[in-house]
Amino acid sequence: MDNMWQRRCAKPETVTTSTLECSQSGLAEYLTGRDEPLVIEQLVAEWPLVQAAKASNESLCDYLLEFDRGAVVDAIRLPASADGRMFYNDDITGFNFSRVKMLFKTALGALLAEQHNSTAETLYVGSTTVDSCLPGLLGKNKIAIESLDPLGTLWIGNKSRIAAHYDAPDNLICVASGKRRVTLFPPSQTKNLYVGPLHFTPAGQPISMVDFSAPDLNKYPRFEEAMKHALVVELLPGDALYIPSMWWHHIEGTESINLLINYWWRDVPAYIGRSENALYHALLTLKQLPKAQRRAWQALFDHYVFDDDGTRFNHIPPSKQGPLSELDENTVRQFKAWLVNNLKH
């Protein structure tokens, strides 16, 4: 089997700004609370950044350098033999790429120098905060989601394949240059994606171990079920894709220079903290219990955490509900301190 399977997959819901009847001005409200991916064709087509990229790779790099103030960025180098796939090495003791620091303008120069070389090594600058790397760029290339207080990051490189992973924040990716093929899976398919280590990852998030360019269904048989639920889209310059929190996504850059800007945001306050910490602690405690006890704790978690019945704690006086009630920052800080004290024992 090869990546022809992706061509047979359904596409996410697709709209244009005119279809939304709100243009960019109502985008934040439209995306808030949405739990399905959404393609918005040509959402950022009028960006000066996109217009420069459509002119040529050289024009794109010249435009980016107008905002450069000598930023040093983290870059990934990957041998051409890896075909752009950033992954583990053969025995999972390390990775198949190396990390280097370089001036942003040096990275752009290297990409331009190799843009016509079909056997060039992969050079990839990812997850770079735009405001620190290229101050002023987002101000000239705006998107009307300021009310969500997003963090804008930049991803640029030549051929690349980023393994399927999830992110806790909501995510809007905007393609400025090149093409990106994105393969999406709902959270319900986690068990069919053969996720690798939690603590030892290429870029911080656990990834699917399946090679999407040639899925080995003998080694990963449940992936056949995941493919039935996959959504696939090829994004062109100016297109945007909304990826809801916790949806798995595999991203491929297919051109000589691929650039996207993405925006992250959460619909809960920052003081709530990272949900992953609860998972890690559960692995250290609940996972070790006998099966019957794990099932008992599952029932408790369903009751206290996952049940949507907002009246289930009404029998407790509001003054004694503590973390069972609506949380403000002071309550969260109080109970975090209580939790830290309990973790000492």
C-alpha atoms as a PDB file:
ATOM      1  CA  MET A   1       0.000   0.000   0.000  1.00  0.00           C
ATOM      2  CA  ASP A   2       1.213   3.554  -0.735  1.00  0.00           C
ATOM      3  CA  ASN A   3      -0.067   7.064  -0.215  1.00  0.00           C
ATOM      4  CA  MET A   4      -2.722   6.602  -2.873  1.00  0.00           C
ATOM      5  CA  TRP A   5      -4.968   5.807   0.096  1.00  0.00           C
ATOM      6  CA  GLN A   6      -5.027   9.495   1.000  1.00  0.00           C
ATOM      7  CA  ARG A   7      -6.551  10.381  -2.373  1.00  0.00           C
ATOM      8  CA  ARG A   8      -9.560   8.246  -1.544  1.00  0.00           C
ATOM      9  CA  CYS A   9     -10.261   9.976   1.762  1.00  0.00           C
ATOM     10  CA  ALA A  10     -13.029  12.468   2.382  1.00  0.00           C
ATOM     11  CA  LYS A  11     -12.216  16.162   2.574  1.00  0.00           C
ATOM     12  CA  PRO A  12     -12.985  18.357   5.598  1.00  0.00           C
ATOM     13  CA  GLU A  13     -15.894  20.730   5.353  1.00  0.00           C
ATOM     14  CA  THR A  14     -14.813  23.534   3.038  1.00  0.00           C
ATOM     15  CA  VAL A  15     -16.080  27.105   2.839  1.00  0.00           C
ATOM     16  CA  THR A  16     -15.024  30.483   1.558  1.00  0.00           C
ATOM     17  CA  THR A  17     -15.301  33.774   3.379  1.00  0.00           C
ATOM     18  CA  SER A  18     -18.275  34.662   1.193  1.00  0.00           C
ATOM     19  CA  THR A  19     -19.934  31.359   2.130  1.00  0.00           C
ATOM     20  CA  LEU A  20     -19.506  32.244   5.790  1.00  0.00           C
ATOM     21  CA  GLU A  21     -21.173  35.593   5.104  1.00  0.00           C
ATOM     22  CA  CYS A  22     -18.916  37.153   7.668  1.00  0.00           C
ATOM     23  CA  SER A  23     -15.532  37.565   5.953  1.00  0.00           C
ATOM     24  CA  GLN A  24     -12.674  37.687   8.420  1.00  0.00           C
ATOM     25  CA  SER A  25     -14.534  39.960  10.811  1.00  0.00           C
ATOM     26  CA  GLY A  26     -16.685  37.155  12.219  1.00  0.00           C
ATOM     27  CA  LEU A  27     -14.085  34.406  12.063  1.00  0.00           C
ATOM     28  CA  ALA A  28     -13.295  34.190  15.773  1.00  0.00           C
ATOM     29  CA  GLU A  29     -16.934  33.786  16.707  1.00  0.00           C
ATOM     30  CA  TYR A  30     -17.461  31.216  13.953  1.00  0.00           C
ATOM     31  CA  LEU A  31     -14.555  29.038  15.114  1.00  0.00           C
ATOM     32  CA  THR A  32     -15.240  29.251  18.842  1.00  0.00           C
ATOM     33  CA  GLY A  33     -16.639  25.982  20.123  1.00  0.00           C
ATOM     34  CA  ARG A  34     -16.280  24.229  16.774  1.00  0.00           C
ATOM     35  CA  ASP A  35     -15.146  20.584  17.133  1.00  0.00           C
ATOM     36  CA  GLU A  36     -14.727  19.619  13.457  1.00  0.00           C
ATOM     37  CA  PRO A  37     -11.965  20.712  11.044  1.00  0.00           C
ATOM     38  CA  LEU A  38     -12.795  23.444   8.568  1.00  0.00           C
ATOM     39  CA  VAL A  39     -11.043  24.517   5.365  1.00  0.00           C
ATOM     40  CA  ILE A  40     -11.459  28.199   4.500  1.00  0.00           C
ATOM     41  CA  GLU A  41     -10.299  28.673   0.944  1.00  0.00           C
ATOM     42  CA  GLN A  42      -8.255  31.794   0.204  1.00  0.00           C
ATOM     43  CA  LEU A  43      -8.857  33.277   3.640  1.00  0.00           C
ATOM     44  CA  VAL A  44      -5.490  35.075   3.587  1.00  0.00           C
ATOM     45  CA  ALA A  45      -5.024  35.408  -0.178  1.00  0.00           C
ATOM     46  CA  GLU A  46      -4.699  39.178   0.129  1.00  0.00           C
ATOM     47  CA  TRP A  47      -1.820  39.044   2.583  1.00  0.00           C
ATOM     48  CA  PRO A  48       1.273  40.828   1.201  1.00  0.00           C
ATOM     49  CA  LEU A  49       3.178  37.736   2.362  1.00  0.00           C
ATOM     50  CA  VAL A  50       1.088  35.473   0.111  1.00  0.00           C
ATOM     51  CA  GLN A  51       1.347  37.876  -2.811  1.00  0.00           C
ATOM     52  CA  ALA A  52       5.133  37.945  -2.500  1.00  0.00           C
ATOM     53  CA  ALA A  53       5.251  34.147  -2.394  1.00  0.00           C
ATOM     54  CA  LYS A  54       3.102  33.859  -5.507  1.00  0.00           C
ATOM     55  CA  ALA A  55       5.583  36.079  -7.359  1.00  0.00           C
ATOM     56  CA  SER A  56       8.610  33.857  -6.629  1.00  0.00           C
ATOM     57  CA  ASN A  57      10.588  32.230  -3.846  1.00  0.00           C
ATOM     58  CA  GLU A  58      13.062  35.099  -4.091  1.00  0.00           C
ATOM     59  CA  SER A  59      10.300  37.658  -3.611  1.00  0.00           C
ATOM     60  CA  LEU A  60       9.039  35.723  -0.602  1.00  0.00           C
ATOM     61  CA  CYS A  61      12.444  35.699   1.054  1.00  0.00           C
ATOM     62  CA  ASP A  62      13.038  39.371   0.282  1.00  0.00           C
ATOM     63  CA  TYR A  63       9.718  40.210   1.918  1.00  0.00           C
ATOM     64  CA  LEU A  64      10.491  38.157   5.021  1.00  0.00           C
ATOM     65  CA  LEU A  65      13.904  39.782   5.371  1.00  0.00           C
ATOM     66  CA  GLU A  66      12.260  43.212   5.545  1.00  0.00           C
ATOM     67  CA  PHE A  67      11.206  42.198   9.076  1.00  0.00           C
ATOM     68  CA  ASP A  68      14.347  40.311  10.070  1.00  0.00           C
ATOM     69  CA  ARG A  69      16.399  41.786  12.911  1.00  0.00           C
ATOM     70  CA  GLY A  70      19.117  39.147  12.986  1.00  0.00           C
ATOM     71  CA  ALA A  71      17.061  36.450  14.666  1.00  0.00           C
ATOM     72  CA  VAL A  72      18.694  33.114  15.439  1.00  0.00           C
ATOM     73  CA  VAL A  73      16.319  30.164  14.934  1.00  0.00           C
ATOM     74  CA  ASP A  74      16.290  26.437  15.630  1.00  0.00           C
ATOM     75  CA  ALA A  75      16.444  24.419  12.428  1.00  0.00           C
ATOM     76  CA  ILE A  76      16.279  20.744  11.549  1.00  0.00           C
ATOM     77  CA  ARG A  77      18.510  19.081   8.963  1.00  0.00           C
ATOM     78  CA  LEU A  78      17.428  15.776   7.510  1.00  0.00           C
ATOM     79  CA  PRO A  79      19.275  13.653   4.920  1.00  0.00           C
ATOM     80  CA  ALA A  80      17.657  13.444   1.503  1.00  0.00           C
ATOM     81  CA  SER A  81      17.417   9.668   1.971  1.00  0.00           C
ATOM     82  CA  ALA A  82      14.713  10.224   4.629  1.00  0.00           C
ATOM     83  CA  ASP A  83      12.389  11.675   1.966  1.00  0.00           C
ATOM     84  CA  GLY A  84      11.389  14.488   4.294  1.00  0.00           C
ATOM     85  CA  ARG A  85      10.120  12.238   7.103  1.00  0.00           C
ATOM     86  CA  MET A  86      11.234  13.553  10.492  1.00  0.00           C
ATOM     87  CA  PHE A  87      11.175  10.501  12.709  1.00  0.00           C
ATOM     88  CA  TYR A  88      13.109   8.210  15.023  1.00  0.00           C
ATOM     89  CA  ASN A  89      16.249   6.359  14.013  1.00  0.00           C
ATOM     90  CA  ASP A  90      15.989   2.643  13.251  1.00  0.00           C
ATOM     91  CA  ASP A  91      16.292   1.389  16.834  1.00  0.00           C
ATOM     92  CA  ILE A  92      14.304   4.256  18.449  1.00  0.00           C
ATOM     93  CA  THR A  93      17.315   5.376  20.477  1.00  0.00           C
ATOM     94  CA  GLY A  94      17.388   8.778  18.841  1.00  0.00           C
ATOM     95  CA  PHE A  95      16.147  10.609  15.792  1.00  0.00           C
ATOM     96  CA  ASN A  96      16.933  10.643  12.084  1.00  0.00           C
ATOM     97  CA  PHE A  97      17.634  14.382  12.000  1.00  0.00           C
ATOM     98  CA  SER A  98      19.980  16.877  13.620  1.00  0.00           C
ATOM     99  CA  ARG A  99      19.150  20.190  15.245  1.00  0.00           C
ATOM    100  CA  VAL A 100      21.174  23.310  14.526  1.00  0.00           C
ATOM    101  CA  LYS A 101      20.964  26.987  15.343  1.00  0.00           C
ATOM    102  CA  MET A 102      21.392  29.492  12.539  1.00  0.00           C
ATOM    103  CA  LEU A 103      20.472  32.982  11.537  1.00  0.00           C
ATOM    104  CA  PHE A 104      17.033  33.112   9.975  1.00  0.00           C
ATOM    105  CA  LYS A 105      18.470  34.822   6.916  1.00  0.00           C
ATOM    106  CA  THR A 106      21.022  32.002   6.587  1.00  0.00           C
ATOM    107  CA  ALA A 107      18.204  29.449   6.559  1.00  0.00           C
ATOM    108  CA  LEU A 108      16.393  31.400   3.829  1.00  0.00           C
ATOM    109  CA  GLY A 109      19.591  31.592   1.795  1.00  0.00           C
ATOM    110  CA  ALA A 110      20.110  27.845   2.084  1.00  0.00           C
ATOM    111  CA  LEU A 111      16.553  27.130   0.955  1.00  0.00           C
ATOM    112  CA  LEU A 112      16.934  29.424  -2.050  1.00  0.00           C
ATOM    113  CA  ALA A 113      20.274  27.882  -2.988  1.00  0.00           C
ATOM    114  CA  GLU A 114      18.740  24.395  -3.110  1.00  0.00           C
ATOM    115  CA  GLN A 115      15.292  25.249  -4.497  1.00  0.00           C
ATOM    116  CA  HIS A 116      15.981  23.542  -7.837  1.00  0.00           C
ATOM    117  CA  ASN A 117      17.772  20.525  -6.374  1.00  0.00           C
ATOM    118  CA  SER A 118      15.360  17.590  -6.221  1.00  0.00           C
ATOM    119  CA  THR A 119      17.798  15.603  -4.047  1.00  0.00           C
ATOM    120  CA  ALA A 120      18.484  18.355  -1.502  1.00  0.00           C
ATOM    121  CA  GLU A 121      18.519  17.532   2.197  1.00  0.00           C
ATOM    122  CA  THR A 122      15.548  18.761   4.177  1.00  0.00           C
ATOM    123  CA  LEU A 123      16.002  22.046   6.020  1.00  0.00           C
ATOM    124  CA  TYR A 124      13.130  22.982   8.283  1.00  0.00           C
ATOM    125  CA  VAL A 125      12.528  25.872  10.655  1.00  0.00           C
ATOM    126  CA  GLY A 126       9.457  25.149  12.755  1.00  0.00           C
ATOM    127  CA  SER A 127       7.466  26.431  15.715  1.00  0.00           C
ATOM    128  CA  THR A 128       9.170  29.823  15.637  1.00  0.00           C
ATOM    129  CA  THR A 129       7.268  32.645  17.336  1.00  0.00           C
ATOM    130  CA  VAL A 130       6.665  35.209  14.618  1.00  0.00           C
ATOM    131  CA  ASP A 131       6.792  38.296  16.823  1.00  0.00           C
ATOM    132  CA  SER A 132      10.229  37.394  18.168  1.00  0.00           C
ATOM    133  CA  CYS A 133      11.675  36.286  14.827  1.00  0.00           C
ATOM    134  CA  LEU A 134      10.076  38.754  12.421  1.00  0.00           C
ATOM    135  CA  PRO A 135       8.580  41.616  14.477  1.00  0.00           C
ATOM    136  CA  GLY A 136       5.923  43.512  12.570  1.00  0.00           C
ATOM    137  CA  LEU A 137       5.119  40.759  10.073  1.00  0.00           C
ATOM    138  CA  LEU A 138       1.785  39.845  11.628  1.00  0.00           C
ATOM    139  CA  GLY A 139       0.826  43.510  11.805  1.00  0.00           C
ATOM    140  CA  LYS A 140       1.107  43.721   8.027  1.00  0.00           C
ATOM    141  CA  ASN A 141      -0.596  40.357   7.474  1.00  0.00           C
ATOM    142  CA  LYS A 142      -3.617  40.428   9.752  1.00  0.00           C
ATOM    143  CA  ILE A 143      -6.334  37.956  10.554  1.00  0.00           C
ATOM    144  CA  ALA A 144      -9.352  38.890  12.633  1.00  0.00           C
ATOM    145  CA  ILE A 145      -8.984  36.522  15.557  1.00  0.00           C
ATOM    146  CA  GLU A 146      -7.391  38.959  17.998  1.00  0.00           C
ATOM    147  CA  SER A 147     -10.183  38.308  20.514  1.00  0.00           C
ATOM    148  CA  LEU A 148      -8.888  34.724  20.874  1.00  0.00           C
ATOM    149  CA  ASP A 149      -5.474  36.037  21.974  1.00  0.00           C
ATOM    150  CA  PRO A 150      -3.601  33.637  19.660  1.00  0.00           C
ATOM    151  CA  LEU A 151       0.104  32.925  19.460  1.00  0.00           C
ATOM    152  CA  GLY A 152       1.415  33.159  15.890  1.00  0.00           C
ATOM    153  CA  THR A 153       4.210  30.812  14.835  1.00  0.00           C
ATOM    154  CA  LEU A 154       6.107  30.298  11.610  1.00  0.00           C
ATOM    155  CA  TRP A 155       7.039  27.047   9.814  1.00  0.00           C
ATOM    156  CA  ILE A 156       9.224  27.152   6.710  1.00  0.00           C
ATOM    157  CA  GLY A 157      11.244  24.556   4.855  1.00  0.00           C
ATOM    158  CA  ASN A 158      11.532  22.453   1.748  1.00  0.00           C
ATOM    159  CA  LYS A 159      10.223  18.890   1.480  1.00  0.00           C
ATOM    160  CA  SER A 160       8.955  17.670   4.852  1.00  0.00           C
ATOM    161  CA  ARG A 161       6.651  15.106   6.442  1.00  0.00           C
ATOM    162  CA  ILE A 162       5.573  15.764  10.010  1.00  0.00           C
ATOM    163  CA  ALA A 163       4.203  12.621  11.694  1.00  0.00           C
ATOM    164  CA  ALA A 164       0.609  12.608  12.900  1.00  0.00           C
ATOM    165  CA  HIS A 165       0.322  14.225  16.332  1.00  0.00           C
ATOM    166  CA  TYR A 166      -2.212  16.199  18.341  1.00  0.00           C
ATOM    167  CA  ASP A 167      -2.016  19.618  19.972  1.00  0.00           C
ATOM    168  CA  ALA A 168      -3.984  20.711  23.016  1.00  0.00           C
ATOM    169  CA  PRO A 169      -4.700  24.253  21.745  1.00  0.00           C
ATOM    170  CA  ASP A 170      -7.028  24.998  18.862  1.00  0.00           C
ATOM    171  CA  ASN A 171      -5.063  25.696  15.718  1.00  0.00           C
ATOM    172  CA  LEU A 172      -5.575  27.741  12.543  1.00  0.00           C
ATOM    173  CA  ILE A 173      -2.929  27.169   9.870  1.00  0.00           C
ATOM    174  CA  CYS A 174      -2.574  29.629   7.002  1.00  0.00           C
ATOM    175  CA  VAL A 175      -0.500  28.607   3.987  1.00  0.00           C
ATOM    176  CA  ALA A 176       1.574  31.423   2.536  1.00  0.00           C
ATOM    177  CA  SER A 177       3.858  29.533   0.149  1.00  0.00           C
ATOM    178  CA  GLY A 178       4.067  26.090  -1.409  1.00  0.00           C
ATOM    179  CA  LYS A 179       1.568  23.334  -0.756  1.00  0.00           C
ATOM    180  CA  ARG A 180       0.617  21.426   2.379  1.00  0.00           C
ATOM    181  CA  ARG A 181      -1.202  18.123   2.413  1.00  0.00           C
ATOM    182  CA  VAL A 182      -2.892  17.611   5.787  1.00  0.00           C
ATOM    183  CA  THR A 183      -4.332  14.288   6.939  1.00  0.00           C
ATOM    184  CA  LEU A 184      -6.646  14.526   9.945  1.00  0.00           C
ATOM    185  CA  PHE A 185      -8.085  11.988  12.373  1.00  0.00           C
ATOM    186  CA  PRO A 186     -10.598  12.549  15.191  1.00  0.00           C
ATOM    187  CA  PRO A 187      -9.433  11.838  18.757  1.00  0.00           C
ATOM    188  CA  SER A 188     -11.477   8.624  18.728  1.00  0.00           C
ATOM    189  CA  GLN A 189      -8.891   7.076  16.389  1.00  0.00           C
ATOM    190  CA  THR A 190      -6.004   7.372  18.840  1.00  0.00           C
ATOM    191  CA  LYS A 191      -5.908   3.610  19.498  1.00  0.00           C
ATOM    192  CA  ASN A 192      -5.650   2.909  15.747  1.00  0.00           C
ATOM    193  CA  LEU A 193      -2.719   5.266  15.088  1.00  0.00           C
ATOM    194  CA  TYR A 194      -0.067   3.269  16.990  1.00  0.00           C
ATOM    195  CA  VAL A 195       1.208   6.193  19.024  1.00  0.00           C
ATOM    196  CA  GLY A 196       4.852   6.124  20.092  1.00  0.00           C
ATOM    197  CA  PRO A 197       6.479   7.081  23.403  1.00  0.00           C
ATOM    198  CA  LEU A 198       5.006   9.883  25.496  1.00  0.00           C
ATOM    199  CA  HIS A 199       8.274  10.996  27.070  1.00  0.00           C
ATOM    200  CA  PHE A 200      10.653  10.608  24.112  1.00  0.00           C
ATOM    201  CA  THR A 201       9.361  12.446  21.063  1.00  0.00           C
ATOM    202  CA  PRO A 202      10.802  14.257  18.035  1.00  0.00           C
ATOM    203  CA  ALA A 203       9.179  17.587  18.889  1.00  0.00           C
ATOM    204  CA  GLY A 204       7.385  17.369  22.223  1.00  0.00           C
ATOM    205  CA  GLN A 205       4.158  15.616  21.244  1.00  0.00           C
ATOM    206  CA  PRO A 206       3.694  11.842  20.878  1.00  0.00           C
ATOM    207  CA  ILE A 207       3.441  10.774  17.237  1.00  0.00           C
ATOM    208  CA  SER A 208       1.967   7.994  15.150  1.00  0.00           C
ATOM    209  CA  MET A 209       4.577   5.396  14.259  1.00  0.00           C
ATOM    210  CA  VAL A 210       2.904   4.650  10.904  1.00  0.00           C
ATOM    211  CA  ASP A 211       4.665   5.832   7.746  1.00  0.00           C
ATOM    212  CA  PHE A 212       1.806   7.445   5.847  1.00  0.00           C
ATOM    213  CA  SER A 213       3.634   7.188   2.517  1.00  0.00           C
ATOM    214  CA  ALA A 214       3.614   3.370   2.776  1.00  0.00           C
ATOM    215  CA  PRO A 215       1.477   2.102   5.691  1.00  0.00           C
ATOM    216  CA  ASP A 216       2.557  -1.366   6.821  1.00  0.00           C
ATOM    217  CA  LEU A 217      -0.768  -2.992   7.681  1.00  0.00           C
ATOM    218  CA  ASN A 218       0.923  -6.215   8.742  1.00  0.00           C
ATOM    219  CA  LYS A 219       2.770  -4.334  11.456  1.00  0.00           C
ATOM    220  CA  TYR A 220      -0.010  -1.809  12.147  1.00  0.00           C
ATOM    221  CA  PRO A 221      -3.272  -3.615  11.235  1.00  0.00           C
ATOM    222  CA  ARG A 222      -5.602  -1.270  13.129  1.00  0.00           C
ATOM    223  CA  PHE A 223      -4.452   1.624  10.949  1.00  0.00           C
ATOM    224  CA  GLU A 224      -6.781   0.280   8.263  1.00  0.00           C
ATOM    225  CA  GLU A 225      -9.683   1.322  10.484  1.00  0.00           C
ATOM    226  CA  ALA A 226      -8.122   4.759  11.077  1.00  0.00           C
ATOM    227  CA  MET A 227      -7.927   5.327   7.323  1.00  0.00           C
ATOM    228  CA  LYS A 228     -11.705   5.006   7.091  1.00  0.00           C
ATOM    229  CA  HIS A 229     -12.035   8.054   9.354  1.00  0.00           C
ATOM    230  CA  ALA A 230      -9.278  10.181   7.818  1.00  0.00           C
ATOM    231  CA  LEU A 231      -9.914  13.586   6.261  1.00  0.00           C
ATOM    232  CA  VAL A 232      -7.372  14.847   3.714  1.00  0.00           C
ATOM    233  CA  VAL A 233      -6.922  18.256   2.138  1.00  0.00           C
ATOM    234  CA  GLU A 234      -4.244  19.888  -0.006  1.00  0.00           C
ATOM    235  CA  LEU A 235      -3.843  23.531   0.919  1.00  0.00           C
ATOM    236  CA  LEU A 236      -2.650  26.131  -1.579  1.00  0.00           C
ATOM    237  CA  PRO A 237      -1.216  29.591  -0.879  1.00  0.00           C
ATOM    238  CA  GLY A 238      -3.919  31.702   0.758  1.00  0.00           C
ATOM    239  CA  ASP A 239      -5.861  28.733   2.135  1.00  0.00           C
ATOM    240  CA  ALA A 240      -6.473  28.167   5.840  1.00  0.00           C
ATOM    241  CA  LEU A 241      -7.394  25.109   7.897  1.00  0.00           C
ATOM    242  CA  TYR A 242      -8.894  25.084  11.371  1.00  0.00           C
ATOM    243  CA  ILE A 243      -7.759  22.063  13.418  1.00  0.00           C
ATOM    244  CA  PRO A 244      -9.719  21.590  16.651  1.00  0.00           C
ATOM    245  CA  SER A 245      -7.984  20.765  19.910  1.00  0.00           C
ATOM    246  CA  MET A 246      -6.782  17.144  20.154  1.00  0.00           C
ATOM    247  CA  TRP A 247      -7.388  16.215  16.503  1.00  0.00           C
ATOM    248  CA  TRP A 248      -4.498  14.220  15.052  1.00  0.00           C
ATOM    249  CA  HIS A 249      -2.859  15.805  12.013  1.00  0.00           C
ATOM    250  CA  HIS A 250      -0.089  14.710   9.642  1.00  0.00           C
ATOM    251  CA  ILE A 251       1.379  17.562   7.566  1.00  0.00           C
ATOM    252  CA  GLU A 252       3.436  17.331   4.383  1.00  0.00           C
ATOM    253  CA  GLY A 253       5.239  20.160   2.620  1.00  0.00           C
ATOM    254  CA  THR A 254       5.678  19.264  -1.036  1.00  0.00           C
ATOM    255  CA  GLU A 255       7.338  22.252  -2.725  1.00  0.00           C
ATOM    256  CA  SER A 256      10.858  23.710  -2.725  1.00  0.00           C
ATOM    257  CA  ILE A 257       9.828  26.341  -0.166  1.00  0.00           C
ATOM    258  CA  ASN A 258       6.726  25.827   1.983  1.00  0.00           C
ATOM    259  CA  LEU A 259       5.702  28.473   4.494  1.00  0.00           C
ATOM    260  CA  LEU A 260       2.759  28.565   6.816  1.00  0.00           C
ATOM    261  CA  ILE A 261       1.767  30.782   9.696  1.00  0.00           C
ATOM    262  CA  ASN A 262      -0.310  29.152  12.380  1.00  0.00           C
ATOM    263  CA  TYR A 263      -2.234  30.548  15.310  1.00  0.00           C
ATOM    264  CA  TRP A 264      -2.715  28.706  18.613  1.00  0.00           C
ATOM    265  CA  TRP A 265      -5.257  29.532  21.269  1.00  0.00           C
ATOM    266  CA  ARG A 266      -7.058  27.889  24.166  1.00  0.00           C
ATOM    267  CA  ASP A 267     -10.651  28.484  25.237  1.00  0.00           C
ATOM    268  CA  VAL A 268      -9.726  28.234  28.907  1.00  0.00           C
ATOM    269  CA  PRO A 269      -7.557  30.651  30.924  1.00  0.00           C
ATOM    270  CA  ALA A 270      -3.822  30.013  31.068  1.00  0.00           C
ATOM    271  CA  TYR A 271      -3.929  29.507  34.838  1.00  0.00           C
ATOM    272  CA  ILE A 272      -5.841  26.234  34.341  1.00  0.00           C
ATOM    273  CA  GLY A 273      -2.563  24.592  33.322  1.00  0.00           C
ATOM    274  CA  ARG A 274      -1.723  21.704  31.017  1.00  0.00           C
ATOM    275  CA  SER A 275      -4.132  18.788  30.798  1.00  0.00           C
ATOM    276  CA  GLU A 276      -1.268  16.465  29.843  1.00  0.00           C
ATOM    277  CA  ASN A 277      -0.007  16.629  33.421  1.00  0.00           C
ATOM    278  CA  ALA A 278      -3.123  14.828  34.626  1.00  0.00           C
ATOM    279  CA  LEU A 279      -2.510  12.056  32.091  1.00  0.00           C
ATOM    280  CA  TYR A 280       1.132  11.648  33.090  1.00  0.00           C
ATOM    281  CA  HIS A 281       0.253  11.448  36.778  1.00  0.00           C
ATOM    282  CA  ALA A 282      -2.510   8.926  36.063  1.00  0.00           C
ATOM    283  CA  LEU A 283       0.040   6.735  34.293  1.00  0.00           C
ATOM    284  CA  LEU A 284       2.204   6.770  37.412  1.00  0.00           C
ATOM    285  CA  THR A 285      -0.655   5.957  39.769  1.00  0.00           C
ATOM    286  CA  LEU A 286      -3.906   4.618  38.324  1.00  0.00           C
ATOM    287  CA  LYS A 287      -2.361   2.551  35.542  1.00  0.00           C
ATOM    288  CA  GLN A 288      -0.524   0.425  38.112  1.00  0.00           C
ATOM    289  CA  LEU A 289      -3.677  -0.642  39.957  1.00  0.00           C
ATOM    290  CA  PRO A 290      -5.487  -3.979  39.534  1.00  0.00           C
ATOM    291  CA  LYS A 291      -8.149  -4.039  36.819  1.00  0.00           C
ATOM    292  CA  ALA A 292     -11.120  -3.821  39.196  1.00  0.00           C
ATOM    293  CA  GLN A 293      -9.663  -0.760  40.902  1.00  0.00           C
ATOM    294  CA  ARG A 294      -8.930   0.903  37.568  1.00  0.00           C
ATOM    295  CA  ARG A 295     -12.569   0.396  36.593  1.00  0.00           C
ATOM    296  CA  ALA A 296     -13.643   1.966  39.891  1.00  0.00           C
ATOM    297  CA  TRP A 297     -11.452   4.996  39.227  1.00  0.00           C
ATOM    298  CA  GLN A 298     -12.821   5.171  35.693  1.00  0.00           C
ATOM    299  CA  ALA A 299     -16.310   5.518  37.177  1.00  0.00           C
ATOM    300  CA  LEU A 300     -15.098   8.288  39.477  1.00  0.00           C
ATOM    301  CA  PHE A 301     -13.464  10.159  36.605  1.00  0.00           C
ATOM    302  CA  ASP A 302     -16.633   9.809  34.551  1.00  0.00           C
ATOM    303  CA  HIS A 303     -18.633  11.255  37.447  1.00  0.00           C
ATOM    304  CA  TYR A 304     -16.321  14.084  38.448  1.00  0.00           C
ATOM    305  CA  VAL A 305     -14.707  15.036  35.141  1.00  0.00           C
ATOM    306  CA  PHE A 306     -16.422  13.743  32.019  1.00  0.00           C
ATOM    307  CA  ASP A 307     -20.131  13.795  32.929  1.00  0.00           C
ATOM    308  CA  ASP A 308     -21.872  16.799  31.358  1.00  0.00           C
ATOM    309  CA  ASP A 309     -24.739  16.899  33.865  1.00  0.00           C
ATOM    310  CA  GLY A 310     -24.285  20.327  35.388  1.00  0.00           C
ATOM    311  CA  THR A 311     -26.649  19.565  38.271  1.00  0.00           C
ATOM    312  CA  ARG A 312     -24.847  16.536  39.708  1.00  0.00           C
ATOM    313  CA  PHE A 313     -23.211  18.522  42.524  1.00  0.00           C
ATOM    314  CA  ASN A 314     -26.250  20.587  43.492  1.00  0.00           C
ATOM    315  CA  HIS A 315     -26.704  18.584  46.686  1.00  0.00           C
ATOM    316  CA  ILE A 316     -23.435  20.059  48.016  1.00  0.00           C
ATOM    317  CA  PRO A 317     -23.600  23.585  49.480  1.00  0.00           C
ATOM    318  CA  PRO A 318     -21.886  25.995  47.056  1.00  0.00           C
ATOM    319  CA  SER A 319     -19.467  27.132  49.755  1.00  0.00           C
ATOM    320  CA  LYS A 320     -18.182  23.555  50.065  1.00  0.00           C
ATOM    321  CA  GLN A 321     -17.980  22.573  46.421  1.00  0.00           C
ATOM    322  CA  GLY A 322     -14.375  23.697  46.011  1.00  0.00           C
ATOM    323  CA  PRO A 323     -12.963  22.390  42.695  1.00  0.00           C
ATOM    324  CA  LEU A 324     -16.391  20.878  41.885  1.00  0.00           C
ATOM    325  CA  SER A 325     -17.747  24.359  41.170  1.00  0.00           C
ATOM    326  CA  GLU A 326     -16.817  26.956  38.565  1.00  0.00           C
ATOM    327  CA  LEU A 327     -13.146  27.774  38.974  1.00  0.00           C
ATOM    328  CA  ASP A 328     -11.576  31.197  39.181  1.00  0.00           C
ATOM    329  CA  GLU A 329      -7.859  31.911  39.356  1.00  0.00           C
ATOM    330  CA  ASN A 330      -7.741  32.094  43.148  1.00  0.00           C
ATOM    331  CA  THR A 331      -9.518  28.753  43.523  1.00  0.00           C
ATOM    332  CA  VAL A 332      -7.197  27.115  41.018  1.00  0.00           C
ATOM    333  CA  ARG A 333      -4.110  28.422  42.805  1.00  0.00           C
ATOM    334  CA  GLN A 334      -5.477  27.275  46.161  1.00  0.00           C
ATOM    335  CA  PHE A 335      -6.115  23.737  44.998  1.00  0.00           C
ATOM    336  CA  LYS A 336      -2.867  23.502  43.054  1.00  0.00           C
ATOM    337  CA  ALA A 337      -1.091  24.235  46.326  1.00  0.00           C
ATOM    338  CA  TRP A 338      -3.231  21.567  48.020  1.00  0.00           C
ATOM    339  CA  LEU A 339      -2.298  19.116  45.243  1.00  0.00           C
ATOM    340  CA  VAL A 340       1.415  19.883  45.499  1.00  0.00           C
ATOM    341  CA  ASN A 341       1.267  19.199  49.230  1.00  0.00           C
ATOM    342  CA  ASN A 342      -0.469  15.857  48.610  1.00  0.00           C
ATOM    343  CA  LEU A 343       2.107  14.848  45.982  1.00  0.00           C
ATOM    344  CA  LYS A 344       4.787  15.015  48.666  1.00  0.00           C
ATOM    345  CA  HIS A 345       3.363  11.955  50.373  1.00  0.00           C
END
